[in-house]
Protein backbone atom coordinates (compact mmCIF):
# COMPACT_ATOMS: atom_id res chain seq x y z
CA UNK A 1 68.19 68.12 25.57
CA UNK A 2 70.95 70.70 26.11
CA UNK A 3 73.27 68.03 27.33
CA UNK A 4 73.02 65.99 24.10
CA UNK A 5 73.61 69.06 21.90
CA UNK A 6 76.73 69.99 23.85
CA UNK A 7 78.02 66.42 23.53
CA UNK A 8 77.35 66.36 19.79
CA UNK A 9 79.16 69.68 19.31
CA UNK A 10 82.12 68.44 21.34
CA UNK A 11 82.47 65.26 19.28
CA UNK A 12 82.03 67.13 16.00
CA UNK A 13 84.85 69.52 16.90
CA UNK A 14 87.03 66.68 18.17
CA UNK A 15 86.63 64.65 14.98
CA UNK A 16 87.32 67.74 12.85
CA UNK A 17 90.52 68.48 14.81
CA UNK A 18 91.69 64.87 14.47
CA UNK A 19 91.10 64.92 10.70
CA UNK A 20 92.99 68.19 10.32
CA UNK A 21 95.87 66.78 12.37
CA UNK A 22 95.97 63.57 10.31
CA UNK A 23 95.91 65.36 6.95
CA UNK A 24 98.43 67.96 8.14
CA UNK A 25 100.77 65.27 9.44
CA UNK A 26 100.58 63.35 6.17
CA UNK A 27 101.31 66.53 4.19
CA UNK A 28 104.25 67.38 6.47
CA UNK A 29 105.72 63.88 6.13
CA UNK A 30 105.35 63.97 2.33
CA UNK A 31 107.09 67.33 2.03
CA UNK A 32 109.86 66.22 4.38
CA UNK A 33 110.51 63.09 2.32
CA UNK A 34 110.52 65.00 -0.96
CA UNK A 35 112.95 67.66 0.28
CA UNK A 36 115.43 65.11 1.67
CA UNK A 37 118.60 65.06 -0.45
CA UNK A 38 119.16 61.83 -2.33
CA UNK A 39 121.49 59.31 -0.76
CA UNK A 40 124.96 59.44 -2.27
CA UNK A 41 127.01 56.33 -2.77
CA UNK A 42 130.18 56.20 -0.69
CA UNK A 43 133.21 57.72 -2.37
CA UNK A 44 135.57 55.23 -3.94
CA UNK A 45 139.18 55.27 -2.76
CA UNK A 46 141.66 56.88 -5.13
CA UNK A 47 144.25 54.72 -6.91
CA UNK A 48 146.94 56.24 -4.68
CA UNK A 49 144.93 55.29 -1.57
CA UNK A 50 144.70 51.71 -2.79
CA UNK A 51 148.40 51.65 -3.58
CA UNK A 52 149.31 53.01 -0.14
CA UNK A 53 147.04 50.47 1.56
CA UNK A 54 148.65 47.60 -0.37
CA UNK A 55 152.13 48.85 0.56
CA UNK A 56 151.17 49.23 4.22
CA UNK A 57 149.75 45.69 4.23
CA UNK A 58 153.00 44.32 2.79
CA UNK A 59 151.40 43.15 -0.46
CA UNK A 60 153.94 45.08 -2.58
CA UNK A 61 157.57 46.06 -2.10
CA UNK A 62 158.93 49.57 -1.76
CA UNK A 63 160.27 49.40 -5.32
CA UNK A 64 156.87 48.34 -6.69
CA UNK A 65 155.23 51.12 -4.68
CA UNK A 66 157.62 53.79 -6.00
CA UNK A 67 157.22 52.62 -9.60
CA UNK A 68 153.44 52.54 -9.41
CA UNK A 69 153.30 55.93 -7.69
CA UNK A 70 155.51 57.44 -10.41
CA UNK A 71 153.18 56.05 -13.10
CA UNK A 72 150.17 57.48 -11.30
CA UNK A 73 151.82 60.90 -11.12
CA UNK A 74 152.64 60.75 -14.86
CA UNK A 75 149.00 59.99 -15.56
CA UNK A 76 147.85 62.92 -13.39
CA UNK A 77 150.03 65.29 -15.44
CA UNK A 78 148.52 64.01 -18.70
CA UNK A 79 144.97 64.79 -17.61
């Protein structure tokens, strides 16, 4: 008789501990997901970056590059 009561107490405590662990783990995961900062989209390259890349690739001449860069600088001063 004592043996069955000890076994019942053991399983009752074990099940209670497992439930607490499961609920605690779910709560921890929920809080962790909520506190995570939102994903930011990648930054777009600036117009000057695009211009420099096109010049480096040989898509535009030095004269075109200088003219476009001068226009970009004029625009930056206006803003």
